[in-house]
Amino acid sequence: MFLNSSPVRGPRTITAASVARFAELVNKTATSATASSRKRKNAARKKLSRVVKEHSRYAKVANLRAVALTLTYADAAAFSPKRISAFLDRLRRALKRMGFCLPYAWVLECASHLHYHLIVWLPRGYKLDQAKLSRFWPWGSTWVESCRSVGAWARYIAKFNSVAELPRGARLHGDGGLDEIGKMAVSRSGLPRWLLALLPVGHLVRRCAGGGWMDTVTAEIYRSPYIWTPWGAVLSQGNLSPCR
């Protein structure tokens, strides 16, 4: 009986080109996670900035004031995404009895303790004191201050410096209480520039299976004019127009 065997290959020759290719591969592997994290942070900052801008616009009309909050966990083991929802629900119910909604934005951060930074817009006659905060947030300490500079506080809470230290699966940020104009503006702010140049004012899109974006009003499909190459994204030869 004979056994089929493949010839044994000798060691490959190491050349300067192969070393360079290996070094490039190692570098890409090492930096891909960093690039992804940076992209996630930038997208979060961009959205949060737009949310705060739209909340500020609405607050002027509704005569609301901005309040800065920090909610800290006494024990990080008590973390649950439901905690921040419970806090906001309690505050929202209190404001609803007065005939107001609750515009808000929050960011989760971990320094010495796990905590939330928030900016909320409240009626000028409503006082959010420590007694109320203790009832609304029983999982740790709280801090509250009138927000004299909305822009400065928004930039401060949008650092996103501790993403790696956050609990697994935790959201970086959240928001709510936008009016219809605000929802439209925030939704469009996250779209690519080339798409905004084509999309009619007041229209929204959603991603399509297989690539592209579909106008939710006209059902037109928009495809990116850029193509990916080993050297990065380049403009394709096609013109910038929707697919009918």
C-alpha atoms as a PDB file:
ATOM      1  CA  MET A   1       0.000   0.000   0.000  1.00  0.00           C
ATOM      2  CA  PHE A   2       1.310   3.371  -0.951  1.00  0.00           C
ATOM      3  CA  LEU A   3       0.429   6.622   0.818  1.00  0.00           C
ATOM      4  CA  ASN A   4      -0.223   9.685  -1.257  1.00  0.00           C
ATOM      5  CA  SER A   5       1.940  12.482   0.013  1.00  0.00           C
ATOM      6  CA  SER A   6       2.438  16.024  -1.187  1.00  0.00           C
ATOM      7  CA  PRO A   7       5.941  17.302  -1.648  1.00  0.00           C
ATOM      8  CA  VAL A   8       7.377  19.107   1.329  1.00  0.00           C
ATOM      9  CA  ARG A   9       7.952  22.767   0.582  1.00  0.00           C
ATOM     10  CA  GLY A  10      11.119  24.357   1.710  1.00  0.00           C
ATOM     11  CA  PRO A  11      11.262  27.651   3.551  1.00  0.00           C
ATOM     12  CA  ARG A  12      10.244  30.689   1.527  1.00  0.00           C
ATOM     13  CA  THR A  13      12.860  33.234   0.680  1.00  0.00           C
ATOM     14  CA  ILE A  14      12.569  36.388   2.757  1.00  0.00           C
ATOM     15  CA  THR A  15      12.927  39.487   0.657  1.00  0.00           C
ATOM     16  CA  ALA A  16      12.756  43.190   1.392  1.00  0.00           C
ATOM     17  CA  ALA A  17       9.387  43.345  -0.391  1.00  0.00           C
ATOM     18  CA  SER A  18       7.893  40.527   1.704  1.00  0.00           C
ATOM     19  CA  VAL A  19       9.126  42.162   4.921  1.00  0.00           C
ATOM     20  CA  ALA A  20       7.545  45.452   3.862  1.00  0.00           C
ATOM     21  CA  ARG A  21       4.226  43.750   3.072  1.00  0.00           C
ATOM     22  CA  PHE A  22       4.249  41.970   6.445  1.00  0.00           C
ATOM     23  CA  ALA A  23       5.023  45.219   8.294  1.00  0.00           C
ATOM     24  CA  GLU A  24       2.165  46.965   6.466  1.00  0.00           C
ATOM     25  CA  LEU A  25      -0.233  44.165   7.420  1.00  0.00           C
ATOM     26  CA  VAL A  26       0.798  44.349  11.079  1.00  0.00           C
ATOM     27  CA  ASN A  27       0.391  48.122  11.079  1.00  0.00           C
ATOM     28  CA  LYS A  28      -3.111  47.916   9.566  1.00  0.00           C
ATOM     29  CA  THR A  29      -4.146  45.287  12.101  1.00  0.00           C
ATOM     30  CA  ALA A  30      -2.870  47.382  14.984  1.00  0.00           C
ATOM     31  CA  THR A  31      -4.473  50.625  13.833  1.00  0.00           C
ATOM     32  CA  SER A  32      -7.848  49.359  12.560  1.00  0.00           C
ATOM     33  CA  ALA A  33      -9.398  49.263  16.040  1.00  0.00           C
ATOM     34  CA  THR A  34      -8.061  52.742  16.808  1.00  0.00           C
ATOM     35  CA  ALA A  35      -9.438  54.136  13.555  1.00  0.00           C
ATOM     36  CA  SER A  36     -12.827  52.544  14.203  1.00  0.00           C
ATOM     37  CA  SER A  37     -12.946  53.993  17.720  1.00  0.00           C
ATOM     38  CA  ARG A  38     -11.974  57.437  16.434  1.00  0.00           C
ATOM     39  CA  LYS A  39     -14.692  57.301  13.803  1.00  0.00           C
ATOM     40  CA  ARG A  40     -17.270  56.294  16.414  1.00  0.00           C
ATOM     41  CA  LYS A  41     -16.260  59.182  18.679  1.00  0.00           C
ATOM     42  CA  ASN A  42     -16.358  61.735  15.872  1.00  0.00           C
ATOM     43  CA  ALA A  43     -19.808  60.581  14.781  1.00  0.00           C
ATOM     44  CA  ALA A  44     -21.049  60.783  18.384  1.00  0.00           C
ATOM     45  CA  ARG A  45     -19.637  64.298  18.816  1.00  0.00           C
ATOM     46  CA  LYS A  46     -21.215  65.458  15.583  1.00  0.00           C
ATOM     47  CA  LYS A  47     -24.640  64.121  16.510  1.00  0.00           C
ATOM     48  CA  LEU A  48     -24.488  65.426  20.081  1.00  0.00           C
ATOM     49  CA  SER A  49     -23.515  68.880  18.833  1.00  0.00           C
ATOM     50  CA  ARG A  50     -26.497  68.968  16.486  1.00  0.00           C
ATOM     51  CA  VAL A  51     -28.876  67.669  19.161  1.00  0.00           C
ATOM     52  CA  VAL A  52     -27.808  70.410  21.578  1.00  0.00           C
ATOM     53  CA  LYS A  53     -28.171  73.030  18.855  1.00  0.00           C
ATOM     54  CA  GLU A  54     -31.728  71.912  18.071  1.00  0.00           C
ATOM     55  CA  HIS A  55     -32.629  71.713  21.764  1.00  0.00           C
ATOM     56  CA  SER A  56     -31.337  75.258  22.266  1.00  0.00           C
ATOM     57  CA  ARG A  57     -33.471  76.500  19.376  1.00  0.00           C
ATOM     58  CA  TYR A  58     -36.583  74.859  20.825  1.00  0.00           C
ATOM     59  CA  ALA A  59     -35.783  76.086  24.353  1.00  0.00           C
ATOM     60  CA  LYS A  60     -35.898  79.722  23.224  1.00  0.00           C
ATOM     61  CA  VAL A  61     -39.402  79.231  21.856  1.00  0.00           C
ATOM     62  CA  ALA A  62     -40.646  77.236  24.866  1.00  0.00           C
ATOM     63  CA  ASN A  63     -38.889  79.493  27.426  1.00  0.00           C
ATOM     64  CA  LEU A  64     -36.819  76.670  28.932  1.00  0.00           C
ATOM     65  CA  ARG A  65     -33.485  76.925  30.748  1.00  0.00           C
ATOM     66  CA  ALA A  66     -30.504  74.598  30.424  1.00  0.00           C
ATOM     67  CA  VAL A  67     -29.365  72.626  33.462  1.00  0.00           C
ATOM     68  CA  ALA A  68     -26.128  70.621  33.783  1.00  0.00           C
ATOM     69  CA  LEU A  69     -26.288  67.322  35.672  1.00  0.00           C
ATOM     70  CA  THR A  70     -23.938  64.546  36.740  1.00  0.00           C
ATOM     71  CA  LEU A  71     -25.299  61.228  38.015  1.00  0.00           C
ATOM     72  CA  THR A  72     -22.649  58.985  39.559  1.00  0.00           C
ATOM     73  CA  TYR A  73     -22.853  55.300  40.421  1.00  0.00           C
ATOM     74  CA  ALA A  74     -21.742  54.501  43.978  1.00  0.00           C
ATOM     75  CA  ASP A  75     -20.972  50.987  42.727  1.00  0.00           C
ATOM     76  CA  ALA A  76     -20.226  50.314  39.061  1.00  0.00           C
ATOM     77  CA  ALA A  77     -21.595  46.778  39.536  1.00  0.00           C
ATOM     78  CA  ALA A  78     -25.059  48.357  39.809  1.00  0.00           C
ATOM     79  CA  PHE A  79     -24.841  49.622  36.225  1.00  0.00           C
ATOM     80  CA  SER A  80     -27.809  48.941  33.979  1.00  0.00           C
ATOM     81  CA  PRO A  81     -29.024  50.845  30.909  1.00  0.00           C
ATOM     82  CA  LYS A  82     -32.430  50.910  32.601  1.00  0.00           C
ATOM     83  CA  ARG A  83     -31.121  53.218  35.363  1.00  0.00           C
ATOM     84  CA  ILE A  84     -30.767  56.292  33.151  1.00  0.00           C
ATOM     85  CA  SER A  85     -34.130  55.517  31.526  1.00  0.00           C
ATOM     86  CA  ALA A  86     -35.767  55.303  34.961  1.00  0.00           C
ATOM     87  CA  PHE A  87     -34.269  58.658  35.985  1.00  0.00           C
ATOM     88  CA  LEU A  88     -35.463  60.378  32.821  1.00  0.00           C
ATOM     89  CA  ASP A  89     -38.928  58.811  33.087  1.00  0.00           C
ATOM     90  CA  ARG A  90     -39.363  60.180  36.616  1.00  0.00           C
ATOM     91  CA  LEU A  91     -38.265  63.650  35.569  1.00  0.00           C
ATOM     92  CA  ARG A  92     -40.379  63.496  32.424  1.00  0.00           C
ATOM     93  CA  ARG A  93     -43.526  62.587  34.375  1.00  0.00           C
ATOM     94  CA  ALA A  94     -42.960  65.511  36.749  1.00  0.00           C
ATOM     95  CA  LEU A  95     -42.687  67.936  33.829  1.00  0.00           C
ATOM     96  CA  LYS A  96     -45.622  66.420  31.958  1.00  0.00           C
ATOM     97  CA  ARG A  97     -47.912  67.325  34.874  1.00  0.00           C
ATOM     98  CA  MET A  98     -46.846  70.942  34.245  1.00  0.00           C
ATOM     99  CA  GLY A  99     -47.510  70.658  30.525  1.00  0.00           C
ATOM    100  CA  PHE A 100     -43.887  70.461  29.393  1.00  0.00           C
ATOM    101  CA  CYS A 101     -41.784  67.884  27.547  1.00  0.00           C
ATOM    102  CA  LEU A 102     -38.170  67.020  28.437  1.00  0.00           C
ATOM    103  CA  PRO A 103     -35.408  67.813  25.940  1.00  0.00           C
ATOM    104  CA  TYR A 104     -32.233  66.056  27.105  1.00  0.00           C
ATOM    105  CA  ALA A 105     -28.884  64.614  26.106  1.00  0.00           C
ATOM    106  CA  TRP A 106     -26.548  62.386  28.117  1.00  0.00           C
ATOM    107  CA  VAL A 107     -23.073  60.888  27.864  1.00  0.00           C
ATOM    108  CA  LEU A 108     -21.755  57.896  29.808  1.00  0.00           C
ATOM    109  CA  GLU A 109     -18.224  58.266  31.164  1.00  0.00           C
ATOM    110  CA  CYS A 110     -15.877  56.364  33.445  1.00  0.00           C
ATOM    111  CA  ALA A 111     -13.151  58.191  35.374  1.00  0.00           C
ATOM    112  CA  SER A 112     -12.695  57.307  39.037  1.00  0.00           C
ATOM    113  CA  HIS A 113     -16.401  56.300  39.045  1.00  0.00           C
ATOM    114  CA  LEU A 114     -18.920  55.409  36.378  1.00  0.00           C
ATOM    115  CA  HIS A 115     -21.196  58.406  35.786  1.00  0.00           C
ATOM    116  CA  TYR A 116     -23.519  60.188  33.390  1.00  0.00           C
ATOM    117  CA  HIS A 117     -23.173  63.798  32.278  1.00  0.00           C
ATOM    118  CA  LEU A 118     -26.454  65.337  31.155  1.00  0.00           C
ATOM    119  CA  ILE A 119     -27.853  68.552  29.815  1.00  0.00           C
ATOM    120  CA  VAL A 120     -31.599  68.971  30.288  1.00  0.00           C
ATOM    121  CA  TRP A 121     -33.933  71.852  29.513  1.00  0.00           C
ATOM    122  CA  LEU A 122     -36.428  72.664  32.273  1.00  0.00           C
ATOM    123  CA  PRO A 123     -39.246  75.182  32.784  1.00  0.00           C
ATOM    124  CA  ARG A 124     -37.991  78.292  34.533  1.00  0.00           C
ATOM    125  CA  GLY A 125     -40.388  77.733  37.409  1.00  0.00           C
ATOM    126  CA  TYR A 126     -39.251  74.175  38.092  1.00  0.00           C
ATOM    127  CA  LYS A 127     -36.461  73.612  40.619  1.00  0.00           C
ATOM    128  CA  LEU A 128     -34.539  70.356  40.405  1.00  0.00           C
ATOM    129  CA  ASP A 129     -33.064  70.260  43.898  1.00  0.00           C
ATOM    130  CA  GLN A 130     -31.079  67.582  45.723  1.00  0.00           C
ATOM    131  CA  ALA A 131     -34.185  66.181  47.416  1.00  0.00           C
ATOM    132  CA  LYS A 132     -35.771  65.404  44.053  1.00  0.00           C
ATOM    133  CA  LEU A 133     -32.512  64.119  42.613  1.00  0.00           C
ATOM    134  CA  SER A 134     -32.081  61.712  45.527  1.00  0.00           C
ATOM    135  CA  ARG A 135     -35.486  60.208  44.753  1.00  0.00           C
ATOM    136  CA  PHE A 136     -34.954  60.152  40.994  1.00  0.00           C
ATOM    137  CA  TRP A 137     -31.381  58.727  41.227  1.00  0.00           C
ATOM    138  CA  PRO A 138     -31.012  56.402  44.256  1.00  0.00           C
ATOM    139  CA  TRP A 139     -27.932  54.587  42.881  1.00  0.00           C
ATOM    140  CA  GLY A 140     -25.299  57.110  43.911  1.00  0.00           C
ATOM    141  CA  SER A 141     -24.436  60.795  44.154  1.00  0.00           C
ATOM    142  CA  THR A 142     -25.684  63.700  42.050  1.00  0.00           C
ATOM    143  CA  TRP A 143     -24.526  67.163  41.037  1.00  0.00           C
ATOM    144  CA  VAL A 144     -26.666  69.903  39.475  1.00  0.00           C
ATOM    145  CA  GLU A 145     -25.880  73.403  38.270  1.00  0.00           C
ATOM    146  CA  SER A 146     -27.531  76.002  36.072  1.00  0.00           C
ATOM    147  CA  CYS A 147     -25.870  75.761  32.669  1.00  0.00           C
ATOM    148  CA  ARG A 148     -24.544  79.229  31.917  1.00  0.00           C
ATOM    149  CA  SER A 149     -22.710  78.180  28.748  1.00  0.00           C
ATOM    150  CA  VAL A 150     -24.505  75.432  26.864  1.00  0.00           C
ATOM    151  CA  GLY A 151     -21.773  75.206  24.246  1.00  0.00           C
ATOM    152  CA  ALA A 152     -18.969  74.822  26.782  1.00  0.00           C
ATOM    153  CA  TRP A 153     -20.799  72.126  28.747  1.00  0.00           C
ATOM    154  CA  ALA A 154     -21.690  70.271  25.542  1.00  0.00           C
ATOM    155  CA  ARG A 155     -18.043  70.252  24.464  1.00  0.00           C
ATOM    156  CA  TYR A 156     -16.945  69.096  27.911  1.00  0.00           C
ATOM    157  CA  ILE A 157     -19.281  66.120  28.065  1.00  0.00           C
ATOM    158  CA  ALA A 158     -18.441  65.112  24.486  1.00  0.00           C
ATOM    159  CA  LYS A 159     -14.822  64.179  25.300  1.00  0.00           C
ATOM    160  CA  PHE A 160     -15.469  60.430  24.977  1.00  0.00           C
ATOM    161  CA  ASN A 161     -12.062  59.721  26.532  1.00  0.00           C
ATOM    162  CA  SER A 162     -13.060  56.585  28.423  1.00  0.00           C
ATOM    163  CA  VAL A 163     -14.821  54.480  25.804  1.00  0.00           C
ATOM    164  CA  ALA A 164     -12.588  51.467  26.497  1.00  0.00           C
ATOM    165  CA  GLU A 165     -13.455  51.556  30.221  1.00  0.00           C
ATOM    166  CA  LEU A 166     -17.221  51.526  29.759  1.00  0.00           C
ATOM    167  CA  PRO A 167     -19.266  48.406  30.570  1.00  0.00           C
ATOM    168  CA  ARG A 168     -19.551  45.970  27.698  1.00  0.00           C
ATOM    169  CA  GLY A 169     -22.417  46.879  25.362  1.00  0.00           C
ATOM    170  CA  ALA A 170     -23.078  50.248  27.015  1.00  0.00           C
ATOM    171  CA  ARG A 171     -24.222  53.148  24.827  1.00  0.00           C
ATOM    172  CA  LEU A 172     -21.936  56.163  24.616  1.00  0.00           C
ATOM    173  CA  HIS A 173     -24.717  58.732  24.587  1.00  0.00           C
ATOM    174  CA  GLY A 174     -28.447  59.273  24.208  1.00  0.00           C
ATOM    175  CA  ASP A 175     -30.931  62.051  23.631  1.00  0.00           C
ATOM    176  CA  GLY A 176     -34.643  62.774  23.408  1.00  0.00           C
ATOM    177  CA  GLY A 177     -37.317  65.440  23.406  1.00  0.00           C
ATOM    178  CA  LEU A 178     -36.619  66.772  19.905  1.00  0.00           C
ATOM    179  CA  ASP A 179     -39.465  68.406  17.999  1.00  0.00           C
ATOM    180  CA  GLU A 180     -40.145  67.426  14.377  1.00  0.00           C
ATOM    181  CA  ILE A 181     -37.839  70.101  13.005  1.00  0.00           C
ATOM    182  CA  GLY A 182     -35.080  68.918  15.326  1.00  0.00           C
ATOM    183  CA  LYS A 183     -35.538  65.260  14.408  1.00  0.00           C
ATOM    184  CA  MET A 184     -35.227  66.109  10.733  1.00  0.00           C
ATOM    185  CA  ALA A 185     -32.110  68.230  11.277  1.00  0.00           C
ATOM    186  CA  VAL A 186     -30.360  65.593  13.421  1.00  0.00           C
ATOM    187  CA  SER A 187     -31.197  62.799  10.983  1.00  0.00           C
ATOM    188  CA  ARG A 188     -29.805  64.726   8.029  1.00  0.00           C
ATOM    189  CA  SER A 189     -26.700  65.889   9.896  1.00  0.00           C
ATOM    190  CA  GLY A 190     -25.315  62.355   9.924  1.00  0.00           C
ATOM    191  CA  LEU A 191     -25.569  61.874   6.159  1.00  0.00           C
ATOM    192  CA  PRO A 192     -22.597  62.093   3.750  1.00  0.00           C
ATOM    193  CA  ARG A 193     -22.101  65.459   2.052  1.00  0.00           C
ATOM    194  CA  TRP A 194     -22.532  64.029  -1.437  1.00  0.00           C
ATOM    195  CA  LEU A 195     -25.943  62.657  -0.412  1.00  0.00           C
ATOM    196  CA  LEU A 196     -27.078  65.942   1.136  1.00  0.00           C
ATOM    197  CA  ALA A 197     -26.219  67.666  -2.156  1.00  0.00           C
ATOM    198  CA  LEU A 198     -28.765  65.436  -3.941  1.00  0.00           C
ATOM    199  CA  LEU A 199     -31.440  64.922  -1.305  1.00  0.00           C
ATOM    200  CA  PRO A 200     -34.366  67.405  -1.449  1.00  0.00           C
ATOM    201  CA  VAL A 201     -34.999  69.546   1.613  1.00  0.00           C
ATOM    202  CA  GLY A 202     -37.336  67.817   4.058  1.00  0.00           C
ATOM    203  CA  HIS A 203     -36.595  64.310   2.753  1.00  0.00           C
ATOM    204  CA  LEU A 204     -35.013  61.472   4.701  1.00  0.00           C
ATOM    205  CA  VAL A 205     -33.316  58.280   3.515  1.00  0.00           C
ATOM    206  CA  ARG A 206     -32.677  54.789   4.769  1.00  0.00           C
ATOM    207  CA  ARG A 207     -30.010  52.307   3.773  1.00  0.00           C
ATOM    208  CA  CYS A 208     -30.824  49.763   1.080  1.00  0.00           C
ATOM    209  CA  ALA A 209     -29.933  46.106   1.043  1.00  0.00           C
ATOM    210  CA  GLY A 210     -27.010  45.719  -1.325  1.00  0.00           C
ATOM    211  CA  GLY A 211     -25.807  49.295  -0.879  1.00  0.00           C
ATOM    212  CA  GLY A 212     -27.091  52.791  -1.454  1.00  0.00           C
ATOM    213  CA  TRP A 213     -29.728  54.965   0.183  1.00  0.00           C
ATOM    214  CA  MET A 214     -33.456  55.141  -0.578  1.00  0.00           C
ATOM    215  CA  ASP A 215     -35.452  58.358  -0.380  1.00  0.00           C
ATOM    216  CA  THR A 216     -38.360  57.584   1.971  1.00  0.00           C
ATOM    217  CA  VAL A 217     -40.600  60.005   0.042  1.00  0.00           C
ATOM    218  CA  THR A 218     -39.837  59.273  -3.625  1.00  0.00           C
ATOM    219  CA  ALA A 219     -38.252  55.792  -3.291  1.00  0.00           C
ATOM    220  CA  GLU A 220     -35.314  56.963  -5.434  1.00  0.00           C
ATOM    221  CA  ILE A 221     -32.038  55.126  -4.826  1.00  0.00           C
ATOM    222  CA  TYR A 222     -28.848  57.103  -4.294  1.00  0.00           C
ATOM    223  CA  ARG A 223     -25.470  55.408  -4.633  1.00  0.00           C
ATOM    224  CA  SER A 224     -22.147  56.839  -3.560  1.00  0.00           C
ATOM    225  CA  PRO A 225     -20.039  58.387  -6.347  1.00  0.00           C
ATOM    226  CA  TYR A 226     -16.933  57.116  -4.546  1.00  0.00           C
ATOM    227  CA  ILE A 227     -15.309  53.711  -4.870  1.00  0.00           C
ATOM    228  CA  TRP A 228     -12.837  52.066  -2.503  1.00  0.00           C
ATOM    229  CA  THR A 229      -9.349  51.243  -3.739  1.00  0.00           C
ATOM    230  CA  PRO A 230      -6.162  50.072  -1.985  1.00  0.00           C
ATOM    231  CA  TRP A 231      -5.170  53.750  -1.930  1.00  0.00           C
ATOM    232  CA  GLY A 232      -8.396  55.011  -0.367  1.00  0.00           C
ATOM    233  CA  ALA A 233     -11.695  56.354  -1.704  1.00  0.00           C
ATOM    234  CA  VAL A 234     -11.669  57.916  -5.169  1.00  0.00           C
ATOM    235  CA  LEU A 235     -14.398  59.565  -7.226  1.00  0.00           C
ATOM    236  CA  SER A 236     -15.849  57.203  -9.797  1.00  0.00           C
ATOM    237  CA  GLN A 237     -16.453  58.227 -13.405  1.00  0.00           C
ATOM    238  CA  GLY A 238     -20.232  58.103 -12.995  1.00  0.00           C
ATOM    239  CA  ASN A 239     -22.191  61.316 -12.561  1.00  0.00           C
ATOM    240  CA  LEU A 240     -23.815  62.341  -9.293  1.00  0.00           C
ATOM    241  CA  SER A 241     -27.480  61.447  -9.820  1.00  0.00           C
ATOM    242  CA  PRO A 242     -30.082  59.136  -8.306  1.00  0.00           C
ATOM    243  CA  CYS A 243     -30.872  55.755  -9.862  1.00  0.00           C
ATOM    244  CA  ARG A 244     -34.414  55.720 -11.218  1.00  0.00           C
END
